[in-house]
Amino acid sequence: MELIVKIISIQEVAHNVRRFRLEKPAGYTFIPGQATQISINKPLWRDEKRPFTFTSLKEDPYLEFTIKRYPDHHGVTDQLHQLAPGDELVLRDVWGAIEYKGPGYFIAGGAGITPFLAILHQLHKEEKLQGNTLFFSNKTSADVIDEQELRTMLGGNVEFILTNGSGEGYTKGTIDEAFLKQRVKDFGRHFYICGPEPMILVLSGILTGLGALPDAVVFEK
């Protein structure tokens, strides 16, 4: 399935990160946490498909994607950041294994926060966010996506970790075994992980080693 949609608006949300709102085709639905393959509707780019996660709510009248630009790659994200409202994108079928299964711990690295944005916003709207905690790791504070919204929604249940920076309101360091042992009170809960593949592999191994059930560790396989 291929659907051509126009960009409605583009908003800068963080360093090298923009939020794209698109037309929503009739009957096009998704579950928070899911993604689709997107390409730019231009001759040289239509077949260059990349996966992006929905960051809108399922009942919103538009589709939304929060996309980080990687200028060094000279690829799709770089081209997306050069588009303007009215330009067209190509959407495809919805897919994804990251789905909310119950309260627990969300662990995100960089742009890996995107599938969690839709989930957390949906839970917040439905007043079901209680019992969830977010650990969000970035290189510097300039890289943090939707920081204020996350602080407002989660209050004391969000911790921002910086690997290459520091400052008031942030934790300096990395999310590793020692970090998790200190902060996780119950390894029998759900864990949701999204970020660079090496991070996912390491943390899923650490969590199961600390007692988390393999079926309760949710990530894109």
Protein backbone atom coordinates (compact mmCIF):
# COMPACT_ATOMS: atom_id res chain seq x y z
CA MET A 1 0.00 0.00 0.00
CA GLU A 2 1.24 3.48 -0.86
CA LEU A 3 -0.53 6.72 0.08
CA ILE A 4 0.57 10.21 -0.97
CA VAL A 5 -0.03 12.89 1.67
CA LYS A 6 0.87 16.58 1.98
CA ILE A 7 2.83 18.15 4.81
CA ILE A 8 0.55 20.45 6.83
CA SER A 9 3.16 22.01 9.12
CA ILE A 10 6.77 21.70 10.27
CA GLN A 11 7.98 22.71 13.75
CA GLU A 12 11.49 22.83 15.22
CA VAL A 13 11.42 20.94 18.54
CA ALA A 14 15.10 20.38 19.42
CA HIS A 15 18.58 20.52 17.97
CA ASN A 16 18.30 18.92 14.51
CA VAL A 17 14.79 17.65 15.26
CA ARG A 18 11.58 18.70 13.51
CA ARG A 19 7.96 17.71 13.95
CA PHE A 20 6.07 17.04 10.72
CA ARG A 21 2.28 17.05 10.66
CA LEU A 22 0.69 15.42 7.63
CA GLU A 23 -2.70 14.85 6.12
CA LYS A 24 -4.35 11.75 7.57
CA PRO A 25 -5.90 9.44 4.94
CA ALA A 26 -9.39 8.17 5.73
CA GLY A 27 -9.30 4.86 7.58
CA TYR A 28 -5.54 5.02 8.26
CA THR A 29 -5.02 3.89 11.85
CA PHE A 30 -2.16 2.83 14.12
CA ILE A 31 -1.44 1.80 17.70
CA PRO A 32 0.79 4.18 19.73
CA GLY A 33 4.36 2.92 19.39
CA GLN A 34 3.95 1.71 15.81
CA ALA A 35 5.72 3.02 12.69
CA THR A 36 5.52 3.13 8.92
CA GLN A 37 7.93 3.41 5.99
CA ILE A 38 8.10 6.95 4.59
CA SER A 39 9.68 8.35 1.46
CA ILE A 40 9.69 11.75 -0.23
CA ASN A 41 7.42 12.04 -3.27
CA LYS A 42 10.15 13.21 -5.64
CA PRO A 43 11.67 11.20 -8.52
CA LEU A 44 15.08 10.61 -6.90
CA TRP A 45 13.71 9.90 -3.43
CA ARG A 46 10.40 8.02 -3.79
CA ASP A 47 12.05 4.59 -3.46
CA GLU A 48 14.28 5.66 -0.54
CA LYS A 49 12.07 4.33 2.26
CA ARG A 50 12.88 4.82 5.95
CA PRO A 51 10.99 3.78 9.10
CA PHE A 52 9.53 6.51 11.30
CA THR A 53 7.30 6.25 14.36
CA PHE A 54 3.99 8.04 14.74
CA THR A 55 4.11 10.66 17.50
CA SER A 56 0.51 11.81 17.14
CA LEU A 57 -2.41 10.36 19.09
CA LYS A 58 -4.51 7.77 17.31
CA GLU A 59 -7.59 10.03 17.31
CA ASP A 60 -5.79 13.16 16.03
CA PRO A 61 -7.08 14.46 12.67
CA TYR A 62 -3.50 14.53 11.33
CA LEU A 63 -0.47 12.22 11.34
CA GLU A 64 2.66 13.40 13.11
CA PHE A 65 6.31 12.30 12.98
CA THR A 66 9.18 13.71 15.05
CA ILE A 67 12.32 13.27 12.97
CA LYS A 68 15.97 13.85 13.79
CA ARG A 69 18.23 15.03 11.00
CA TYR A 70 21.52 13.24 10.36
CA PRO A 71 23.27 15.69 7.99
CA ASP A 72 26.45 13.62 7.70
CA HIS A 73 24.50 10.85 5.96
CA HIS A 74 23.22 13.17 3.15
CA GLY A 75 20.17 10.92 3.06
CA VAL A 76 16.44 10.90 3.71
CA THR A 77 16.43 12.76 7.05
CA ASP A 78 18.61 15.49 5.57
CA GLN A 79 16.19 15.83 2.64
CA LEU A 80 13.13 15.80 4.92
CA HIS A 81 14.51 18.77 6.84
CA GLN A 82 14.68 20.73 3.59
CA LEU A 83 10.97 20.27 2.82
CA ALA A 84 8.19 22.79 3.40
CA PRO A 85 4.43 22.63 4.06
CA GLY A 86 2.68 21.53 0.86
CA ASP A 87 5.42 19.08 -0.13
CA GLU A 88 4.36 15.44 -0.41
CA LEU A 89 5.44 12.25 1.34
CA VAL A 90 4.58 8.62 0.62
CA LEU A 91 3.21 6.49 3.48
CA ARG A 92 2.98 2.73 3.60
CA ASP A 93 1.52 0.01 5.85
CA VAL A 94 1.70 0.33 9.63
CA TRP A 95 3.97 -2.06 11.55
CA GLY A 96 5.86 -2.34 14.84
CA ALA A 97 6.33 -4.46 17.95
CA ILE A 98 6.52 -1.67 20.55
CA GLU A 99 3.11 -1.65 22.20
CA TYR A 100 2.06 -0.70 25.72
CA LYS A 101 1.38 -3.78 27.85
CA GLY A 102 1.13 -2.25 31.30
CA PRO A 103 2.91 0.06 33.76
CA GLY A 104 6.68 -0.12 33.94
CA TYR A 105 9.90 1.54 32.91
CA PHE A 106 10.56 3.28 29.59
CA ILE A 107 14.23 3.51 28.60
CA ALA A 108 15.05 5.71 25.61
CA GLY A 109 18.24 6.79 23.89
CA GLY A 110 18.18 9.92 21.70
CA ALA A 111 15.63 9.70 18.88
CA GLY A 112 14.55 6.37 20.40
CA ILE A 113 12.09 8.41 22.45
CA THR A 114 9.75 8.73 19.44
CA PRO A 115 7.66 5.54 19.88
CA PHE A 116 7.26 6.41 23.56
CA LEU A 117 5.96 9.92 22.84
CA ALA A 118 2.72 8.60 21.37
CA ILE A 119 2.34 6.00 24.12
CA LEU A 120 2.99 8.44 26.99
CA HIS A 121 0.76 11.17 25.51
CA GLN A 122 -2.05 8.64 24.99
CA LEU A 123 -1.74 7.39 28.58
CA HIS A 124 -1.66 10.97 29.86
CA LYS A 125 -4.84 11.84 27.93
CA GLU A 126 -6.58 8.74 29.30
CA GLU A 127 -5.29 9.48 32.84
CA LYS A 128 -3.46 6.14 32.93
CA LEU A 129 0.13 7.40 33.16
CA GLN A 130 0.54 6.64 36.87
CA GLY A 131 3.00 3.85 37.62
CA ASN A 132 5.25 4.56 34.64
CA THR A 133 8.81 5.90 34.78
CA LEU A 134 10.99 7.24 31.94
CA PHE A 135 14.78 7.17 31.77
CA PHE A 136 15.86 9.28 28.78
CA SER A 137 19.53 9.38 27.73
CA ASN A 138 21.07 11.95 25.36
CA LYS A 139 24.53 13.28 24.60
CA THR A 140 23.76 16.87 25.68
CA SER A 141 20.77 18.87 26.92
CA ALA A 142 20.41 20.41 23.43
CA ASP A 143 19.59 16.94 22.07
CA VAL A 144 16.62 16.30 24.39
CA ILE A 145 13.31 16.03 22.51
CA ASP A 146 10.13 17.37 24.15
CA GLU A 147 11.85 17.86 27.51
CA GLN A 148 9.31 20.27 28.99
CA GLU A 149 6.31 18.21 27.89
CA LEU A 150 7.82 15.07 29.41
CA ARG A 151 8.61 16.86 32.68
CA THR A 152 5.06 18.24 32.82
CA MET A 153 3.43 14.85 32.15
CA LEU A 154 5.68 12.66 34.29
CA GLY A 155 6.78 15.02 37.07
CA GLY A 156 9.22 13.17 39.32
CA ASN A 157 8.92 9.99 37.26
CA VAL A 158 11.28 11.11 34.49
CA GLU A 159 15.07 11.28 34.66
CA PHE A 160 17.20 12.87 31.95
CA ILE A 161 20.67 11.37 31.59
CA LEU A 162 23.49 13.12 29.70
CA THR A 163 26.52 11.22 28.47
CA ASN A 164 28.51 14.26 27.27
CA GLY A 165 27.05 17.09 29.31
CA SER A 166 25.86 18.18 32.72
CA GLY A 167 23.59 20.71 34.37
CA GLU A 168 20.91 21.20 36.96
CA GLY A 169 18.03 18.81 36.42
CA TYR A 170 20.14 16.25 34.56
CA THR A 171 22.08 13.16 35.59
CA LYS A 172 25.61 12.78 34.24
CA GLY A 173 26.47 9.23 33.15
CA THR A 174 25.04 6.26 31.30
CA ILE A 175 22.16 3.84 31.78
CA ASP A 176 23.98 0.66 32.80
CA GLU A 177 23.58 -2.17 35.30
CA ALA A 178 24.54 -0.03 38.30
CA PHE A 179 22.09 2.69 37.22
CA LEU A 180 19.21 0.23 36.90
CA LYS A 181 19.97 -1.57 40.17
CA GLN A 182 19.84 1.76 42.00
CA ARG A 183 16.58 2.98 40.48
CA VAL A 184 14.40 0.00 39.58
CA LYS A 185 12.44 -1.23 42.57
CA ASP A 186 10.69 -4.13 40.86
CA PHE A 187 12.26 -6.09 37.99
CA GLY A 188 9.01 -8.00 37.58
CA ARG A 189 7.40 -5.03 35.79
CA HIS A 190 7.36 -4.20 32.07
CA PHE A 191 10.38 -2.60 30.41
CA TYR A 192 10.21 -0.71 27.12
CA ILE A 193 13.51 0.00 25.35
CA CYS A 194 14.20 2.04 22.22
CA GLY A 195 17.42 3.59 20.95
CA PRO A 196 20.58 2.57 19.08
CA GLU A 197 20.73 -1.19 18.49
CA PRO A 198 23.83 -1.76 20.69
CA MET A 199 22.04 -0.03 23.58
CA ILE A 200 18.94 -2.21 23.13
CA LEU A 201 20.99 -5.43 23.06
CA VAL A 202 23.04 -4.52 26.12
CA LEU A 203 20.13 -3.30 28.24
CA SER A 204 17.79 -6.18 27.36
CA GLY A 205 20.56 -8.57 28.45
CA ILE A 206 21.16 -6.66 31.69
CA LEU A 207 17.45 -6.54 32.52
CA THR A 208 16.85 -10.25 32.00
CA GLY A 209 19.99 -10.93 34.03
CA LEU A 210 18.52 -8.85 36.86
CA GLY A 211 15.29 -10.82 36.83
CA ALA A 212 13.08 -9.22 34.21
CA LEU A 213 10.98 -11.72 32.29
CA PRO A 214 12.00 -11.88 28.61
CA ASP A 215 8.36 -11.41 27.53
CA ALA A 216 8.15 -8.26 29.66
CA VAL A 217 11.11 -6.58 27.93
CA VAL A 218 9.54 -4.84 24.91
CA PHE A 219 11.66 -3.56 22.02
CA GLU A 220 11.66 -3.55 18.21
CA LYS A 221 13.08 -6.91 17.13
